[in-house]
Amino acid sequence: MFFEFIGELSEVETIASGRGIKEIASLRKVFGRGNWRKRKGMATIRLADETVHTAELHWYEATGLGKKEFKIKRILD
């Protein structure tokens, strides 16, 4: 699903790291080696249909490689 950020990410926390990430092999193959972490947080987003929502997002992040593969897990409003 396409979306764009309107606000900043907030309430960010790590939910898995290193071998605790099921997709670690594919992340390393596509993006390279790094200290990978699966993270979650809240943000205000605009969906493709132009509606604005607050949502819980999950993504992968590695030092030096940045944030990758954002996913909407829950629309909160």
PDB file of N, CA and C in Angstrom:
ATOM      1  N   MET A   1       0.843  -1.175   0.000  1.00  0.00           N
ATOM      2  CA  MET A   1       0.000   0.000   0.000  1.00  0.00           C
ATOM      3  C   MET A   1       0.891   1.242   0.000  1.00  0.00           C
ATOM      4  N   PHE A   2       0.602   2.174  -0.887  1.00  0.00           N
ATOM      5  CA  PHE A   2       1.371   3.406  -0.972  1.00  0.00           C
ATOM      6  C   PHE A   2       0.922   4.383   0.104  1.00  0.00           C
ATOM      7  N   PHE A   3       1.891   5.033   0.748  1.00  0.00           N
ATOM      8  CA  PHE A   3       1.598   6.102   1.698  1.00  0.00           C
ATOM      9  C   PHE A   3       2.792   7.025   1.770  1.00  0.00           C
ATOM     10  N   GLU A   4       2.550   8.245   2.300  1.00  0.00           N
ATOM     11  CA  GLU A   4       3.641   9.188   2.537  1.00  0.00           C
ATOM     12  C   GLU A   4       3.520   9.734   3.945  1.00  0.00           C
ATOM     13  N   PHE A   5       4.654  10.075   4.518  1.00  0.00           N
ATOM     14  CA  PHE A   5       4.686  10.617   5.872  1.00  0.00           C
ATOM     15  C   PHE A   5       4.243  12.072   5.855  1.00  0.00           C
ATOM     16  N   ILE A   6       3.408  12.424   6.830  1.00  0.00           N
ATOM     17  CA  ILE A   6       3.042  13.822   7.035  1.00  0.00           C
ATOM     18  C   ILE A   6       3.758  14.338   8.268  1.00  0.00           C
ATOM     19  N   GLY A   7       3.828  13.514   9.305  1.00  0.00           N
ATOM     20  CA  GLY A   7       4.494  13.900  10.543  1.00  0.00           C
ATOM     21  C   GLY A   7       5.727  13.050  10.801  1.00  0.00           C
ATOM     22  N   GLU A   8       6.340  13.278  11.929  1.00  0.00           N
ATOM     23  CA  GLU A   8       7.530  12.542  12.342  1.00  0.00           C
ATOM     24  C   GLU A   8       7.134  11.202  12.960  1.00  0.00           C
ATOM     25  N   LEU A   9       8.058  10.264  12.949  1.00  0.00           N
ATOM     26  CA  LEU A   9       7.871   9.004  13.661  1.00  0.00           C
ATOM     27  C   LEU A   9       7.974   9.273  15.158  1.00  0.00           C
ATOM     28  N   SER A  10       7.104   8.661  15.941  1.00  0.00           N
ATOM     29  CA  SER A  10       7.154   8.819  17.396  1.00  0.00           C
ATOM     30  C   SER A  10       6.964   7.457  18.046  1.00  0.00           C
ATOM     31  N   GLU A  11       7.223   7.391  19.337  1.00  0.00           N
ATOM     32  CA  GLU A  11       7.083   6.163  20.120  1.00  0.00           C
ATOM     33  C   GLU A  11       7.836   5.002  19.467  1.00  0.00           C
ATOM     34  N   VAL A  12       9.042   5.274  18.978  1.00  0.00           N
ATOM     35  CA  VAL A  12       9.839   4.264  18.270  1.00  0.00           C
ATOM     36  C   VAL A  12      10.470   3.304  19.266  1.00  0.00           C
ATOM     37  N   GLU A  13      10.359   2.012  18.987  1.00  0.00           N
ATOM     38  CA  GLU A  13      10.999   1.004  19.816  1.00  0.00           C
ATOM     39  C   GLU A  13      11.449  -0.172  18.959  1.00  0.00           C
ATOM     40  N   THR A  14      12.479  -0.866  19.431  1.00  0.00           N
ATOM     41  CA  THR A  14      13.005  -2.037  18.738  1.00  0.00           C
ATOM     42  C   THR A  14      12.217  -3.257  19.185  1.00  0.00           C
ATOM     43  N   ILE A  15      11.762  -4.067  18.213  1.00  0.00           N
ATOM     44  CA  ILE A  15      11.008  -5.269  18.570  1.00  0.00           C
ATOM     45  C   ILE A  15      11.790  -6.550  18.284  1.00  0.00           C
ATOM     46  N   ALA A  16      12.869  -6.467  17.491  1.00  0.00           N
ATOM     47  CA  ALA A  16      13.744  -7.624  17.254  1.00  0.00           C
ATOM     48  C   ALA A  16      15.075  -7.119  16.718  1.00  0.00           C
ATOM     49  N   SER A  17      16.123  -7.910  16.912  1.00  0.00           N
ATOM     50  CA  SER A  17      17.424  -7.530  16.367  1.00  0.00           C
ATOM     51  C   SER A  17      18.236  -8.777  16.053  1.00  0.00           C
ATOM     52  N   GLY A  18      19.182  -8.632  15.141  1.00  0.00           N
ATOM     53  CA  GLY A  18      20.083  -9.722  14.780  1.00  0.00           C
ATOM     54  C   GLY A  18      19.356 -10.976  14.348  1.00  0.00           C
ATOM     55  N   ARG A  19      19.694 -12.086  14.964  1.00  0.00           N
ATOM     56  CA  ARG A  19      19.091 -13.377  14.614  1.00  0.00           C
ATOM     57  C   ARG A  19      17.613 -13.479  14.979  1.00  0.00           C
ATOM     58  N   GLY A  20      17.112 -12.570  15.767  1.00  0.00           N
ATOM     59  CA  GLY A  20      15.696 -12.556  16.129  1.00  0.00           C
ATOM     60  C   GLY A  20      14.798 -12.115  14.988  1.00  0.00           C
ATOM     61  N   ILE A  21      15.385 -11.626  13.904  1.00  0.00           N
ATOM     62  CA  ILE A  21      14.621 -11.189  12.736  1.00  0.00           C
ATOM     63  C   ILE A  21      14.519 -12.359  11.769  1.00  0.00           C
ATOM     64  N   LYS A  22      13.307 -12.787  11.450  1.00  0.00           N
ATOM     65  CA  LYS A  22      13.104 -13.931  10.564  1.00  0.00           C
ATOM     66  C   LYS A  22      13.645 -13.685   9.163  1.00  0.00           C
ATOM     67  N   GLU A  23      13.556 -12.458   8.657  1.00  0.00           N
ATOM     68  CA  GLU A  23      13.935 -12.125   7.285  1.00  0.00           C
ATOM     69  C   GLU A  23      15.375 -11.640   7.167  1.00  0.00           C
ATOM     70  N   ILE A  24      16.230 -11.943   8.141  1.00  0.00           N
ATOM     71  CA  ILE A  24      17.592 -11.401   8.168  1.00  0.00           C
ATOM     72  C   ILE A  24      18.392 -11.791   6.921  1.00  0.00           C
ATOM     73  N   ALA A  25      18.229 -13.002   6.427  1.00  0.00           N
ATOM     74  CA  ALA A  25      18.986 -13.445   5.253  1.00  0.00           C
ATOM     75  C   ALA A  25      18.617 -12.628   4.022  1.00  0.00           C
ATOM     76  N   SER A  26      17.337 -12.390   3.813  1.00  0.00           N
ATOM     77  CA  SER A  26      16.923 -11.612   2.636  1.00  0.00           C
ATOM     78  C   SER A  26      17.312 -10.142   2.773  1.00  0.00           C
ATOM     79  N   LEU A  27      17.276  -9.595   3.983  1.00  0.00           N
ATOM     80  CA  LEU A  27      17.713  -8.211   4.188  1.00  0.00           C
ATOM     81  C   LEU A  27      19.187  -8.060   3.830  1.00  0.00           C
ATOM     82  N   ARG A  28      20.004  -8.993   4.271  1.00  0.00           N
ATOM     83  CA  ARG A  28      21.438  -8.932   3.974  1.00  0.00           C
ATOM     84  C   ARG A  28      21.707  -9.116   2.488  1.00  0.00           C
ATOM     85  N   LYS A  29      20.929  -9.978   1.836  1.00  0.00           N
ATOM     86  CA  LYS A  29      21.120 -10.220   0.411  1.00  0.00           C
ATOM     87  C   LYS A  29      20.767  -8.975  -0.412  1.00  0.00           C
ATOM     88  N   VAL A  30      19.666  -8.311  -0.078  1.00  0.00           N
ATOM     89  CA  VAL A  30      19.196  -7.156  -0.844  1.00  0.00           C
ATOM     90  C   VAL A  30      19.943  -5.878  -0.477  1.00  0.00           C
ATOM     91  N   PHE A  31      20.131  -5.607   0.820  1.00  0.00           N
ATOM     92  CA  PHE A  31      20.662  -4.322   1.272  1.00  0.00           C
ATOM     93  C   PHE A  31      22.092  -4.379   1.801  1.00  0.00           C
ATOM     94  N   GLY A  32      22.592  -5.551   2.143  1.00  0.00           N
ATOM     95  CA  GLY A  32      23.948  -5.673   2.650  1.00  0.00           C
ATOM     96  C   GLY A  32      23.994  -5.978   4.135  1.00  0.00           C
ATOM     97  N   ARG A  33      25.190  -6.281   4.594  1.00  0.00           N
ATOM     98  CA  ARG A  33      25.383  -6.610   6.006  1.00  0.00           C
ATOM     99  C   ARG A  33      25.258  -5.350   6.854  1.00  0.00           C
ATOM    100  N   GLY A  34      24.817  -5.540   8.052  1.00  0.00           N
ATOM    101  CA  GLY A  34      24.678  -4.420   8.969  1.00  0.00           C
ATOM    102  C   GLY A  34      24.092  -4.909  10.277  1.00  0.00           C
ATOM    103  N   ASN A  35      23.991  -4.038  11.222  1.00  0.00           N
ATOM    104  CA  ASN A  35      23.383  -4.342  12.513  1.00  0.00           C
ATOM    105  C   ASN A  35      21.876  -4.125  12.373  1.00  0.00           C
ATOM    106  N   TRP A  36      21.169  -5.116  11.822  1.00  0.00           N
ATOM    107  CA  TRP A  36      19.750  -4.982  11.501  1.00  0.00           C
ATOM    108  C   TRP A  36      18.874  -5.064  12.739  1.00  0.00           C
ATOM    109  N   ARG A  37      17.853  -4.204  12.770  1.00  0.00           N
ATOM    110  CA  ARG A  37      16.853  -4.186  13.830  1.00  0.00           C
ATOM    111  C   ARG A  37      15.481  -4.040  13.200  1.00  0.00           C
ATOM    112  N   LYS A  38      14.486  -4.733  13.755  1.00  0.00           N
ATOM    113  CA  LYS A  38      13.101  -4.522  13.351  1.00  0.00           C
ATOM    114  C   LYS A  38      12.526  -3.544  14.359  1.00  0.00           C
ATOM    115  N   ARG A  39      11.906  -2.467  13.858  1.00  0.00           N
ATOM    116  CA  ARG A  39      11.428  -1.414  14.744  1.00  0.00           C
ATOM    117  C   ARG A  39       9.969  -1.117  14.479  1.00  0.00           C
ATOM    118  N   LYS A  40       9.326  -0.468  15.441  1.00  0.00           N
ATOM    119  CA  LYS A  40       7.951  -0.027  15.255  1.00  0.00           C
ATOM    120  C   LYS A  40       7.785   1.357  15.848  1.00  0.00           C
ATOM    121  N   GLY A  41       6.783   2.084  15.331  1.00  0.00           N
ATOM    122  CA  GLY A  41       6.507   3.417  15.816  1.00  0.00           C
ATOM    123  C   GLY A  41       5.197   3.931  15.251  1.00  0.00           C
ATOM    124  N   MET A  42       4.828   5.122  15.648  1.00  0.00           N
ATOM    125  CA  MET A  42       3.586   5.766  15.209  1.00  0.00           C
ATOM    126  C   MET A  42       3.925   6.959  14.323  1.00  0.00           C
ATOM    127  N   ALA A  43       3.053   7.220  13.345  1.00  0.00           N
ATOM    128  CA  ALA A  43       3.243   8.381  12.474  1.00  0.00           C
ATOM    129  C   ALA A  43       1.915   8.764  11.847  1.00  0.00           C
ATOM    130  N   THR A  44       1.808  10.023  11.459  1.00  0.00           N
ATOM    131  CA  THR A  44       0.673  10.483  10.673  1.00  0.00           C
ATOM    132  C   THR A  44       1.046  10.302   9.210  1.00  0.00           C
ATOM    133  N   ILE A  45       0.167   9.627   8.463  1.00  0.00           N
ATOM    134  CA  ILE A  45       0.455   9.309   7.070  1.00  0.00           C
ATOM    135  C   ILE A  45      -0.708   9.709   6.172  1.00  0.00           C
ATOM    136  N   ARG A  46      -0.411   9.872   4.881  1.00  0.00           N
ATOM    137  CA  ARG A  46      -1.448  10.111   3.872  1.00  0.00           C
ATOM    138  C   ARG A  46      -1.438   8.912   2.933  1.00  0.00           C
ATOM    139  N   LEU A  47      -2.607   8.265   2.795  1.00  0.00           N
ATOM    140  CA  LEU A  47      -2.733   7.110   1.918  1.00  0.00           C
ATOM    141  C   LEU A  47      -2.918   7.547   0.468  1.00  0.00           C
ATOM    142  N   ALA A  48      -2.890   6.596  -0.449  1.00  0.00           N
ATOM    143  CA  ALA A  48      -3.030   6.874  -1.876  1.00  0.00           C
ATOM    144  C   ALA A  48      -4.369   7.539  -2.208  1.00  0.00           C
ATOM    145  N   ASP A  49      -5.400   7.271  -1.411  1.00  0.00           N
ATOM    146  CA  ASP A  49      -6.717   7.882  -1.659  1.00  0.00           C
ATOM    147  C   ASP A  49      -6.855   9.259  -1.009  1.00  0.00           C
ATOM    148  N   GLU A  50      -5.728   9.839  -0.566  1.00  0.00           N
ATOM    149  CA  GLU A  50      -5.644  11.186   0.017  1.00  0.00           C
ATOM    150  C   GLU A  50      -6.215  11.307   1.427  1.00  0.00           C
ATOM    151  N   THR A  51      -6.589  10.198   2.089  1.00  0.00           N
ATOM    152  CA  THR A  51      -7.057  10.276   3.468  1.00  0.00           C
ATOM    153  C   THR A  51      -5.852  10.309   4.408  1.00  0.00           C
ATOM    154  N   VAL A  52      -6.006  11.001   5.525  1.00  0.00           N
ATOM    155  CA  VAL A  52      -4.934  11.159   6.505  1.00  0.00           C
ATOM    156  C   VAL A  52      -5.289  10.351   7.752  1.00  0.00           C
ATOM    157  N   HIS A  53      -4.313   9.560   8.231  1.00  0.00           N
ATOM    158  CA  HIS A  53      -4.529   8.689   9.383  1.00  0.00           C
ATOM    159  C   HIS A  53      -3.293   8.675  10.267  1.00  0.00           C
ATOM    160  N   THR A  54      -3.508   8.285  11.520  1.00  0.00           N
ATOM    161  CA  THR A  54      -2.401   7.925  12.402  1.00  0.00           C
ATOM    162  C   THR A  54      -2.283   6.413  12.329  1.00  0.00           C
ATOM    163  N   ALA A  55      -1.056   5.917  12.157  1.00  0.00           N
ATOM    164  CA  ALA A  55      -0.877   4.483  11.967  1.00  0.00           C
ATOM    165  C   ALA A  55       0.329   3.967  12.731  1.00  0.00           C
ATOM    166  N   GLU A  56       0.273   2.667  13.059  1.00  0.00           N
ATOM    167  CA  GLU A  56       1.430   1.976  13.599  1.00  0.00           C
ATOM    168  C   GLU A  56       2.190   1.398  12.412  1.00  0.00           C
ATOM    169  N   LEU A  57       3.477   1.696  12.346  1.00  0.00           N
ATOM    170  CA  LEU A  57       4.320   1.242  11.243  1.00  0.00           C
ATOM    171  C   LEU A  57       5.409   0.324  11.758  1.00  0.00           C
ATOM    172  N   HIS A  58       5.807  -0.647  10.940  1.00  0.00           N
ATOM    173  CA  HIS A  58       6.959  -1.501  11.223  1.00  0.00           C
ATOM    174  C   HIS A  58       7.938  -1.332  10.080  1.00  0.00           C
ATOM    175  N   TRP A  59       9.243  -1.407  10.386  1.00  0.00           N
ATOM    176  CA  TRP A  59      10.269  -1.305   9.360  1.00  0.00           C
ATOM    177  C   TRP A  59      11.552  -1.945   9.866  1.00  0.00           C
ATOM    178  N   TYR A  60      12.512  -2.081   8.949  1.00  0.00           N
ATOM    179  CA  TYR A  60      13.838  -2.597   9.286  1.00  0.00           C
ATOM    180  C   TYR A  60      14.829  -1.452   9.186  1.00  0.00           C
ATOM    181  N   GLU A  61      15.835  -1.468  10.044  1.00  0.00           N
ATOM    182  CA  GLU A  61      16.802  -0.376  10.081  1.00  0.00           C
ATOM    183  C   GLU A  61      18.185  -0.936  10.401  1.00  0.00           C
ATOM    184  N   ALA A  62      19.194  -0.403   9.716  1.00  0.00           N
ATOM    185  CA  ALA A  62      20.576  -0.785  10.001  1.00  0.00           C
ATOM    186  C   ALA A  62      21.440   0.463   9.996  1.00  0.00           C
ATOM    187  N   THR A  63      22.409   0.509  10.888  1.00  0.00           N
ATOM    188  CA  THR A  63      23.331   1.631  10.955  1.00  0.00           C
ATOM    189  C   THR A  63      24.058   1.775   9.634  1.00  0.00           C
ATOM    190  N   GLY A  64      24.060   2.972   9.090  1.00  0.00           N
ATOM    191  CA  GLY A  64      24.735   3.233   7.830  1.00  0.00           C
ATOM    192  C   GLY A  64      23.915   2.910   6.600  1.00  0.00           C
ATOM    193  N   LEU A  65      22.850   2.126   6.751  1.00  0.00           N
ATOM    194  CA  LEU A  65      22.002   1.755   5.614  1.00  0.00           C
ATOM    195  C   LEU A  65      20.635   2.415   5.666  1.00  0.00           C
ATOM    196  N   GLY A  66      20.227   2.857   6.836  1.00  0.00           N
ATOM    197  CA  GLY A  66      18.968   3.581   6.976  1.00  0.00           C
ATOM    198  C   GLY A  66      17.760   2.691   7.189  1.00  0.00           C
ATOM    199  N   LYS A  67      16.581   3.297   7.037  1.00  0.00           N
ATOM    200  CA  LYS A  67      15.305   2.621   7.246  1.00  0.00           C
ATOM    201  C   LYS A  67      14.835   2.017   5.924  1.00  0.00           C
ATOM    202  N   LYS A  68      14.365   0.767   5.975  1.00  0.00           N
ATOM    203  CA  LYS A  68      13.947   0.048   4.778  1.00  0.00           C
ATOM    204  C   LYS A  68      12.627  -0.670   5.019  1.00  0.00           C
ATOM    205  N   GLU A  69      11.850  -0.844   3.965  1.00  0.00           N
ATOM    206  CA  GLU A  69      10.638  -1.674   3.943  1.00  0.00           C
ATOM    207  C   GLU A  69       9.600  -1.296   5.003  1.00  0.00           C
ATOM    208  N   PHE A  70       9.090  -0.082   4.947  1.00  0.00           N
ATOM    209  CA  PHE A  70       8.027   0.330   5.849  1.00  0.00           C
ATOM    210  C   PHE A  70       6.749  -0.439   5.539  1.00  0.00           C
ATOM    211  N   LYS A  71       6.026  -0.836   6.596  1.00  0.00           N
ATOM    212  CA  LYS A  71       4.752  -1.543   6.458  1.00  0.00           C
ATOM    213  C   LYS A  71       3.745  -0.922   7.416  1.00  0.00           C
ATOM    214  N   ILE A  72       2.523  -0.758   6.965  1.00  0.00           N
ATOM    215  CA  ILE A  72       1.446  -0.311   7.843  1.00  0.00           C
ATOM    216  C   ILE A  72       0.910  -1.539   8.565  1.00  0.00           C
ATOM    217  N   LYS A  73       0.965  -1.533   9.882  1.00  0.00           N
ATOM    218  CA  LYS A  73       0.445  -2.650  10.655  1.00  0.00           C
ATOM    219  C   LYS A  73      -0.962  -2.391  11.166  1.00  0.00           C
ATOM    220  N   ARG A  74      -1.245  -1.142  11.525  1.00  0.00           N
ATOM    221  CA  ARG A  74      -2.555  -0.794  12.050  1.00  0.00           C
ATOM    222  C   ARG A  74      -2.883   0.642  11.755  1.00  0.00           C
ATOM    223  N   ILE A  75      -4.103   0.907  11.319  1.00  0.00           N
ATOM    224  CA  ILE A  75      -4.618   2.276  11.220  1.00  0.00           C
ATOM    225  C   ILE A  75      -5.319   2.545  12.542  1.00  0.00           C
ATOM    226  N   LEU A  76      -4.934   3.618  13.233  1.00  0.00           N
ATOM    227  CA  LEU A  76      -5.439   3.859  14.582  1.00  0.00           C
ATOM    228  C   LEU A  76      -6.650   4.781  14.637  1.00  0.00           C
ATOM    229  N   ASP A  77      -6.903   5.532  13.583  1.00  0.00           N
ATOM    230  CA  ASP A  77      -8.090   6.396  13.597  1.00  0.00           C
ATOM    231  C   ASP A  77      -8.797   6.364  12.274  1.00  0.00           C
TER     232      ASP A  77
END
